[in-house]
Amino acid sequence: MTQENSERLYRTCYMRVFSFAMTLTGNREQAEEITQETFFRAITRESGFRGESDEVTWLCTIARNLFADEKRRERRHEAIPEELPFDGESPEETAADRDSSFRIHLALHALEEPYREVFELRVFGELSFREIGMIFSKTENWARVTYHRARLKLQERMNKK
């Protein structure tokens, strides 16, 4: 890839890839690292972009794979999480928020693949159904149906609890 093409790719796609990485990680530093590594891999690998999808979709696929690799590494070295700092809410509000958040995360975590990932890409990653379909090498309609099934499964699980 030429330097001019590399610079154009970075300028035009950086924010979308970074936003996607933020959605995956929920952590700015990790998102920055994943975004940086995504562009590094995209620019330095000759066998990269084949034009079968949109450049952003290709870059998001690289980012998703990097995130998955990082999660696998973290599972190997899992540590006990630290307590969150006090943010000014009363203990009752904090407990209620944590309980609701925990229930949502449990229901989302219990969703089987690809439902969970499609739901996260659509809601948190704000990707179109076309882009989600491209990431999975499926059709836009497949992404739409999978997302709606994921929503129904998530609602069903939330109503049970």
Protein backbone atom coordinates (compact mmCIF):
# COMPACT_ATOMS: atom_id res chain seq x y z
CA MET A 1 0.00 0.00 0.00
CA THR A 2 1.40 3.39 -0.95
CA GLN A 3 1.93 6.09 1.63
CA GLU A 4 -0.71 8.23 -0.05
CA ASN A 5 -3.29 5.41 0.11
CA SER A 6 -2.32 4.68 3.71
CA GLU A 7 -2.84 8.30 4.73
CA ARG A 8 -6.18 8.49 2.91
CA LEU A 9 -7.36 5.27 4.55
CA TYR A 10 -6.36 6.55 7.99
CA ARG A 11 -7.98 9.98 7.48
CA THR A 12 -11.26 8.64 6.14
CA CYS A 13 -11.75 5.62 8.39
CA TYR A 14 -10.06 6.39 11.72
CA MET A 15 -13.08 7.65 13.65
CA ARG A 16 -15.38 4.83 12.55
CA VAL A 17 -12.82 2.18 13.46
CA PHE A 18 -12.07 3.89 16.77
CA SER A 19 -15.81 4.14 17.56
CA PHE A 20 -16.22 0.47 16.77
CA ALA A 21 -13.25 -0.42 19.01
CA MET A 22 -14.72 1.74 21.80
CA THR A 23 -17.95 -0.21 21.49
CA LEU A 24 -16.11 -3.49 21.76
CA THR A 25 -13.85 -2.54 24.64
CA GLY A 26 -15.66 0.17 26.57
CA ASN A 27 -12.19 1.50 27.36
CA ARG A 28 -10.56 4.41 25.56
CA GLU A 29 -6.98 3.19 25.98
CA GLN A 30 -7.77 -0.30 24.71
CA ALA A 31 -9.78 1.16 21.84
CA GLU A 32 -6.84 3.37 20.86
CA GLU A 33 -4.48 0.39 20.96
CA ILE A 34 -6.79 -1.76 18.87
CA THR A 35 -7.33 1.06 16.36
CA GLN A 36 -3.60 1.68 16.07
CA GLU A 37 -2.85 -2.02 15.62
CA THR A 38 -5.70 -2.32 13.08
CA PHE A 39 -4.24 0.38 10.85
CA PHE A 40 -0.72 -0.97 11.33
CA ARG A 41 -1.80 -4.41 10.14
CA ALA A 42 -3.89 -3.03 7.31
CA ILE A 43 -1.08 -0.85 6.01
CA THR A 44 1.83 -3.26 6.44
CA ARG A 45 0.26 -6.42 5.04
CA GLU A 46 0.44 -6.81 1.30
CA SER A 47 -2.30 -9.46 1.19
CA GLY A 48 -4.77 -7.11 2.85
CA PHE A 49 -7.75 -5.41 1.26
CA ARG A 50 -9.16 -7.36 -1.67
CA GLY A 51 -12.05 -5.03 -2.46
CA GLU A 52 -14.72 -7.61 -1.56
CA SER A 53 -16.26 -5.24 0.99
CA ASP A 54 -16.14 -1.65 2.11
CA GLU A 55 -12.78 -0.53 3.57
CA VAL A 56 -14.41 0.32 6.93
CA THR A 57 -15.94 -3.15 7.12
CA TRP A 58 -12.56 -4.70 6.39
CA LEU A 59 -10.90 -2.57 9.08
CA CYS A 60 -13.65 -3.37 11.61
CA THR A 61 -13.15 -7.07 10.94
CA ILE A 62 -9.44 -6.67 11.71
CA ALA A 63 -10.34 -4.75 14.90
CA ARG A 64 -12.86 -7.40 15.94
CA ASN A 65 -10.25 -10.13 15.49
CA LEU A 66 -7.69 -8.16 17.50
CA PHE A 67 -10.26 -7.67 20.27
CA ALA A 68 -11.06 -11.40 20.30
CA ASP A 69 -7.34 -12.22 20.51
CA GLU A 70 -6.96 -9.81 23.44
CA LYS A 71 -9.94 -11.35 25.25
CA ARG A 72 -8.44 -14.82 24.86
CA ARG A 73 -5.16 -13.56 26.34
CA GLU A 74 -7.00 -11.90 29.23
CA ARG A 75 -8.90 -15.10 30.05
CA ARG A 76 -5.60 -16.85 30.48
CA HIS A 77 -4.47 -14.25 33.03
CA GLU A 78 -7.80 -13.44 34.65
CA ALA A 79 -7.58 -11.39 37.82
CA ILE A 80 -10.11 -10.35 40.43
CA PRO A 81 -11.74 -7.06 39.35
CA GLU A 82 -11.19 -4.00 41.47
CA GLU A 83 -14.09 -2.07 43.01
CA LEU A 84 -15.39 0.90 41.08
CA PRO A 85 -14.79 4.31 42.69
CA PHE A 86 -17.66 6.13 44.40
CA ASP A 87 -19.34 8.43 41.89
CA GLY A 88 -21.58 10.51 44.16
CA GLU A 89 -24.72 8.38 43.96
CA SER A 90 -26.34 7.10 47.11
CA PRO A 91 -25.64 3.47 47.98
CA GLU A 92 -29.28 2.61 47.15
CA GLU A 93 -29.05 4.19 43.68
CA THR A 94 -25.70 2.55 43.05
CA ALA A 95 -27.06 -0.85 44.08
CA ALA A 96 -30.16 -0.46 41.88
CA ASP A 97 -28.09 0.67 38.89
CA ARG A 98 -25.61 -2.15 39.36
CA ASP A 99 -28.42 -4.67 39.70
CA SER A 100 -30.13 -3.49 36.50
CA SER A 101 -26.86 -3.30 34.64
CA PHE A 102 -25.84 -6.73 35.89
CA ARG A 103 -29.17 -8.25 34.78
CA ILE A 104 -28.80 -6.74 31.31
CA HIS A 105 -25.22 -7.96 31.01
CA LEU A 106 -26.22 -11.44 32.17
CA ALA A 107 -28.99 -11.63 29.59
CA LEU A 108 -26.71 -10.29 26.85
CA HIS A 109 -23.87 -12.61 27.86
CA ALA A 110 -26.24 -15.60 27.76
CA LEU A 111 -27.14 -14.92 24.12
CA GLU A 112 -25.49 -17.43 21.86
CA GLU A 113 -23.38 -16.38 18.90
CA PRO A 114 -23.92 -14.83 16.41
CA TYR A 115 -26.92 -13.15 18.08
CA ARG A 116 -24.88 -11.44 20.79
CA GLU A 117 -22.24 -10.07 18.45
CA VAL A 118 -24.76 -8.91 15.84
CA PHE A 119 -26.77 -7.16 18.57
CA GLU A 120 -23.64 -5.46 19.95
CA LEU A 121 -22.46 -4.37 16.51
CA ARG A 122 -25.85 -2.86 15.70
CA VAL A 123 -26.59 -1.21 19.07
CA PHE A 124 -23.16 -0.28 20.38
CA GLY A 125 -21.17 -0.20 17.16
CA GLU A 126 -23.93 1.62 15.27
CA LEU A 127 -23.15 -0.37 12.14
CA SER A 128 -25.66 -0.78 9.34
CA PHE A 129 -27.14 -4.18 8.58
CA ARG A 130 -25.17 -4.16 5.33
CA GLU A 131 -21.89 -3.64 7.21
CA ILE A 132 -22.75 -6.32 9.77
CA GLY A 133 -23.57 -8.74 6.97
CA MET A 134 -20.22 -7.98 5.33
CA ILE A 135 -18.32 -8.61 8.58
CA PHE A 136 -19.91 -12.07 8.82
CA SER A 137 -19.71 -12.69 5.05
CA LYS A 138 -23.51 -12.90 4.96
CA THR A 139 -26.30 -10.87 3.42
CA GLU A 140 -27.84 -7.68 4.74
CA ASN A 141 -31.10 -9.57 5.24
CA TRP A 142 -29.31 -12.20 7.35
CA ALA A 143 -27.94 -9.44 9.61
CA ARG A 144 -31.40 -7.85 9.92
CA VAL A 145 -33.11 -11.14 10.82
CA THR A 146 -30.34 -12.15 13.24
CA TYR A 147 -30.52 -8.77 15.00
CA HIS A 148 -34.29 -8.96 15.42
CA ARG A 149 -34.07 -12.52 16.74
CA ALA A 150 -31.39 -11.38 19.18
CA ARG A 151 -33.68 -8.57 20.40
CA LEU A 152 -36.52 -11.00 20.95
CA LYS A 153 -34.28 -13.45 22.82
CA LEU A 154 -32.88 -10.64 24.97
CA GLN A 155 -36.36 -9.30 25.80
CA GLU A 156 -37.54 -12.79 26.64
CA ARG A 157 -34.63 -13.35 29.03
CA MET A 158 -35.08 -9.95 30.66
CA ASN A 159 -38.80 -10.65 31.27
CA LYS A 160 -38.01 -13.98 32.94
CA LYS A 161 -35.81 -12.36 35.57
